[in-house]
Amino acid sequence: MKPVEPIARNEAMLYHPDTLFRYDVPVQWIMTGTVPIIAETVDEALAAAMKSTLPRGYYLSDSFSVTNLVIHTEVVKDRNGHPIHLKAEVHVPDPIYSDLHQHAFDGQVTGTHYQYVTVADQEGNAFDIEPERLEVSVD
């Protein structure tokens, strides 16, 4: 499937050419598994399986795909509601349990990585941070 343009962006979203956007892309994949059913006949077992809860399963290789056009887009914003754009100067807070950086720092947005914004520190080390934890430097 070729990339498609998301819903039309409004003027407020375009005030900076490097503004980052969050896209919700609909996807699907196939899981396989078994449901243990006690029944008197195969037909009863099949009917009961259709009413059961989802079992633990296994991902079917190569079944992941995009199912539809991009259906939602929004501007990526910092903890104060300011839009985040490429090359923006931001403040990264003290680390939480899953962070790789050792302390708070000021850095520059260099890109994105899935749902994270990549920020480079003063030494050139890059860290992926949740956008809602960042603070854009506002002059």
C-alpha atoms as a PDB file:
ATOM      1  CA  MET A   1       0.000   0.000   0.000  1.00  0.00           C
ATOM      2  CA  LYS A   2       1.485   3.362  -0.961  1.00  0.00           C
ATOM      3  CA  PRO A   3       1.618   6.183   1.610  1.00  0.00           C
ATOM      4  CA  VAL A   4      -1.379   8.476   1.607  1.00  0.00           C
ATOM      5  CA  GLU A   5      -1.806  12.045   2.780  1.00  0.00           C
ATOM      6  CA  PRO A   6      -3.656  12.281   6.110  1.00  0.00           C
ATOM      7  CA  ILE A   7      -6.704  14.400   6.696  1.00  0.00           C
ATOM      8  CA  ALA A   8      -6.175  18.028   5.719  1.00  0.00           C
ATOM      9  CA  ARG A   9      -4.012  19.948   8.163  1.00  0.00           C
ATOM     10  CA  ASN A  10      -5.396  23.264   9.316  1.00  0.00           C
ATOM     11  CA  GLU A  11      -3.429  26.534   9.305  1.00  0.00           C
ATOM     12  CA  ALA A  12      -2.668  26.371  13.045  1.00  0.00           C
ATOM     13  CA  MET A  13      -0.944  23.037  12.467  1.00  0.00           C
ATOM     14  CA  LEU A  14       1.279  24.491   9.751  1.00  0.00           C
ATOM     15  CA  TYR A  15       2.703  27.529  11.558  1.00  0.00           C
ATOM     16  CA  HIS A  16       6.150  25.868  11.551  1.00  0.00           C
ATOM     17  CA  PRO A  17       7.320  23.771   8.576  1.00  0.00           C
ATOM     18  CA  ASP A  18       9.059  21.155  10.752  1.00  0.00           C
ATOM     19  CA  THR A  19       6.149  20.500  13.135  1.00  0.00           C
ATOM     20  CA  LEU A  20       5.919  16.822  14.127  1.00  0.00           C
ATOM     21  CA  PHE A  21       2.632  14.939  13.784  1.00  0.00           C
ATOM     22  CA  ARG A  22       1.326  11.809  15.510  1.00  0.00           C
ATOM     23  CA  TYR A  23      -0.544   9.464  13.155  1.00  0.00           C
ATOM     24  CA  ASP A  24      -2.876   6.675  14.186  1.00  0.00           C
ATOM     25  CA  VAL A  25      -2.390   4.036  11.494  1.00  0.00           C
ATOM     26  CA  PRO A  26      -4.877   1.140  11.531  1.00  0.00           C
ATOM     27  CA  VAL A  27      -3.122  -2.232  11.422  1.00  0.00           C
ATOM     28  CA  GLN A  28      -4.010  -5.893  11.754  1.00  0.00           C
ATOM     29  CA  TRP A  29      -2.260  -9.188  12.388  1.00  0.00           C
ATOM     30  CA  ILE A  30      -3.253 -12.814  12.853  1.00  0.00           C
ATOM     31  CA  MET A  31      -2.887 -14.842  16.029  1.00  0.00           C
ATOM     32  CA  THR A  32      -3.410 -18.591  16.174  1.00  0.00           C
ATOM     33  CA  GLY A  33      -4.168 -20.792  19.147  1.00  0.00           C
ATOM     34  CA  THR A  34      -6.544 -23.377  20.547  1.00  0.00           C
ATOM     35  CA  VAL A  35      -9.533 -23.204  22.879  1.00  0.00           C
ATOM     36  CA  PRO A  36     -10.096 -26.278  25.077  1.00  0.00           C
ATOM     37  CA  ILE A  37     -13.805 -27.154  24.958  1.00  0.00           C
ATOM     38  CA  ILE A  38     -15.645 -30.078  26.521  1.00  0.00           C
ATOM     39  CA  ALA A  39     -18.722 -30.969  24.454  1.00  0.00           C
ATOM     40  CA  GLU A  40     -20.728 -33.942  23.201  1.00  0.00           C
ATOM     41  CA  THR A  41     -20.331 -33.137  19.490  1.00  0.00           C
ATOM     42  CA  VAL A  42     -17.988 -31.257  17.172  1.00  0.00           C
ATOM     43  CA  ASP A  43     -20.802 -28.809  16.331  1.00  0.00           C
ATOM     44  CA  GLU A  44     -21.305 -28.020  20.039  1.00  0.00           C
ATOM     45  CA  ALA A  45     -17.549 -27.577  20.488  1.00  0.00           C
ATOM     46  CA  LEU A  46     -17.352 -25.191  17.511  1.00  0.00           C
ATOM     47  CA  ALA A  47     -20.329 -23.172  18.779  1.00  0.00           C
ATOM     48  CA  ALA A  48     -18.829 -22.953  22.269  1.00  0.00           C
ATOM     49  CA  ALA A  49     -15.428 -21.910  20.869  1.00  0.00           C
ATOM     50  CA  MET A  50     -17.066 -19.003  19.041  1.00  0.00           C
ATOM     51  CA  LYS A  51     -18.493 -17.761  22.359  1.00  0.00           C
ATOM     52  CA  SER A  52     -15.331 -18.242  24.407  1.00  0.00           C
ATOM     53  CA  THR A  53     -12.793 -15.614  25.396  1.00  0.00           C
ATOM     54  CA  LEU A  54      -9.707 -15.136  23.266  1.00  0.00           C
ATOM     55  CA  PRO A  55      -7.054 -17.758  23.998  1.00  0.00           C
ATOM     56  CA  ARG A  56      -3.355 -17.221  24.380  1.00  0.00           C
ATOM     57  CA  GLY A  57      -1.930 -17.439  20.941  1.00  0.00           C
ATOM     58  CA  TYR A  58       0.981 -17.168  18.606  1.00  0.00           C
ATOM     59  CA  TYR A  59       1.654 -14.477  16.018  1.00  0.00           C
ATOM     60  CA  LEU A  60       1.343 -15.776  12.454  1.00  0.00           C
ATOM     61  CA  SER A  61       4.538 -14.767  10.639  1.00  0.00           C
ATOM     62  CA  ASP A  62       4.195 -12.083   7.971  1.00  0.00           C
ATOM     63  CA  SER A  63       0.553 -11.392   8.857  1.00  0.00           C
ATOM     64  CA  PHE A  64       1.082  -7.790  10.038  1.00  0.00           C
ATOM     65  CA  SER A  65      -0.316  -5.209   7.604  1.00  0.00           C
ATOM     66  CA  VAL A  66      -1.753  -1.718   7.338  1.00  0.00           C
ATOM     67  CA  THR A  67      -5.505  -2.088   6.923  1.00  0.00           C
ATOM     68  CA  ASN A  68      -6.697   1.310   5.816  1.00  0.00           C
ATOM     69  CA  LEU A  69      -5.812   4.894   5.124  1.00  0.00           C
ATOM     70  CA  VAL A  70      -4.404   7.010   7.925  1.00  0.00           C
ATOM     71  CA  ILE A  71      -7.514   8.063   9.820  1.00  0.00           C
ATOM     72  CA  HIS A  72      -6.276  10.508  12.429  1.00  0.00           C
ATOM     73  CA  THR A  73      -3.477  13.006  12.825  1.00  0.00           C
ATOM     74  CA  GLU A  74      -2.570  15.478  15.536  1.00  0.00           C
ATOM     75  CA  VAL A  75       0.266  17.845  16.289  1.00  0.00           C
ATOM     76  CA  VAL A  76       2.810  16.380  18.713  1.00  0.00           C
ATOM     77  CA  LYS A  77       2.924  18.649  21.776  1.00  0.00           C
ATOM     78  CA  ASP A  78       5.120  19.014  24.842  1.00  0.00           C
ATOM     79  CA  ARG A  79       3.932  18.888  28.462  1.00  0.00           C
ATOM     80  CA  ASN A  80       2.767  22.530  28.230  1.00  0.00           C
ATOM     81  CA  GLY A  81       0.845  22.130  24.976  1.00  0.00           C
ATOM     82  CA  HIS A  82       3.501  23.705  22.728  1.00  0.00           C
ATOM     83  CA  PRO A  83       3.976  22.051  19.314  1.00  0.00           C
ATOM     84  CA  ILE A  84       7.247  20.157  18.918  1.00  0.00           C
ATOM     85  CA  HIS A  85       9.176  20.525  15.679  1.00  0.00           C
ATOM     86  CA  LEU A  86      12.445  19.237  14.276  1.00  0.00           C
ATOM     87  CA  LYS A  87      15.495  21.148  15.558  1.00  0.00           C
ATOM     88  CA  ALA A  88      13.487  22.579  18.486  1.00  0.00           C
ATOM     89  CA  GLU A  89      15.434  23.243  21.671  1.00  0.00           C
ATOM     90  CA  VAL A  90      13.829  21.247  24.497  1.00  0.00           C
ATOM     91  CA  HIS A  91      14.355  20.451  28.150  1.00  0.00           C
ATOM     92  CA  VAL A  92      14.429  16.746  29.024  1.00  0.00           C
ATOM     93  CA  PRO A  93      13.458  16.026  32.667  1.00  0.00           C
ATOM     94  CA  ASP A  94      15.200  13.765  35.153  1.00  0.00           C
ATOM     95  CA  PRO A  95      15.032  10.120  34.057  1.00  0.00           C
ATOM     96  CA  ILE A  96      12.347   7.634  35.004  1.00  0.00           C
ATOM     97  CA  TYR A  97      12.961   3.896  35.437  1.00  0.00           C
ATOM     98  CA  SER A  98      13.023   3.092  31.697  1.00  0.00           C
ATOM     99  CA  ASP A  99      15.209   6.004  30.529  1.00  0.00           C
ATOM    100  CA  LEU A 100      18.819   5.623  29.420  1.00  0.00           C
ATOM    101  CA  HIS A 101      19.916   9.182  30.227  1.00  0.00           C
ATOM    102  CA  GLN A 102      21.304   9.825  33.708  1.00  0.00           C
ATOM    103  CA  HIS A 103      20.042  13.367  34.465  1.00  0.00           C
ATOM    104  CA  ALA A 104      17.910  16.208  33.122  1.00  0.00           C
ATOM    105  CA  PHE A 105      19.411  18.078  30.152  1.00  0.00           C
ATOM    106  CA  ASP A 106      18.692  20.588  27.411  1.00  0.00           C
ATOM    107  CA  GLY A 107      18.932  19.279  23.876  1.00  0.00           C
ATOM    108  CA  GLN A 108      17.686  19.478  20.314  1.00  0.00           C
ATOM    109  CA  VAL A 109      14.980  17.424  18.588  1.00  0.00           C
ATOM    110  CA  THR A 110      16.647  15.392  15.837  1.00  0.00           C
ATOM    111  CA  GLY A 111      13.843  13.071  14.760  1.00  0.00           C
ATOM    112  CA  THR A 112      11.307  10.508  15.854  1.00  0.00           C
ATOM    113  CA  HIS A 113      11.312   6.795  16.685  1.00  0.00           C
ATOM    114  CA  TYR A 114       7.851   5.219  16.709  1.00  0.00           C
ATOM    115  CA  GLN A 115       5.912   7.101  19.440  1.00  0.00           C
ATOM    116  CA  TYR A 116       9.007   8.850  20.803  1.00  0.00           C
ATOM    117  CA  VAL A 117      10.820  12.100  19.988  1.00  0.00           C
ATOM    118  CA  THR A 118      14.584  11.722  19.611  1.00  0.00           C
ATOM    119  CA  VAL A 119      16.569  14.398  21.459  1.00  0.00           C
ATOM    120  CA  ALA A 120      20.350  14.909  21.195  1.00  0.00           C
ATOM    121  CA  ASP A 121      22.194  16.193  24.265  1.00  0.00           C
ATOM    122  CA  GLN A 122      25.178  18.592  24.241  1.00  0.00           C
ATOM    123  CA  GLU A 123      27.625  15.695  23.715  1.00  0.00           C
ATOM    124  CA  GLY A 124      25.697  14.390  20.691  1.00  0.00           C
ATOM    125  CA  ASN A 125      24.130  11.396  22.471  1.00  0.00           C
ATOM    126  CA  ALA A 126      20.566  10.746  21.317  1.00  0.00           C
ATOM    127  CA  PHE A 127      17.692   9.597  23.541  1.00  0.00           C
ATOM    128  CA  ASP A 128      14.084   8.642  22.724  1.00  0.00           C
ATOM    129  CA  ILE A 129      11.690  10.472  25.059  1.00  0.00           C
ATOM    130  CA  GLU A 130       7.905  10.586  25.322  1.00  0.00           C
ATOM    131  CA  PRO A 131       6.857  13.976  23.865  1.00  0.00           C
ATOM    132  CA  GLU A 132       4.525  14.755  26.783  1.00  0.00           C
ATOM    133  CA  ARG A 133       7.559  14.777  29.121  1.00  0.00           C
ATOM    134  CA  LEU A 134       9.498  17.382  27.113  1.00  0.00           C
ATOM    135  CA  GLU A 135       9.393  21.166  27.466  1.00  0.00           C
ATOM    136  CA  VAL A 136       9.978  23.251  24.353  1.00  0.00           C
ATOM    137  CA  SER A 137      12.187  26.294  24.943  1.00  0.00           C
ATOM    138  CA  VAL A 138       9.932  29.263  24.199  1.00  0.00           C
ATOM    139  CA  ASP A 139      11.715  32.551  23.464  1.00  0.00           C
END
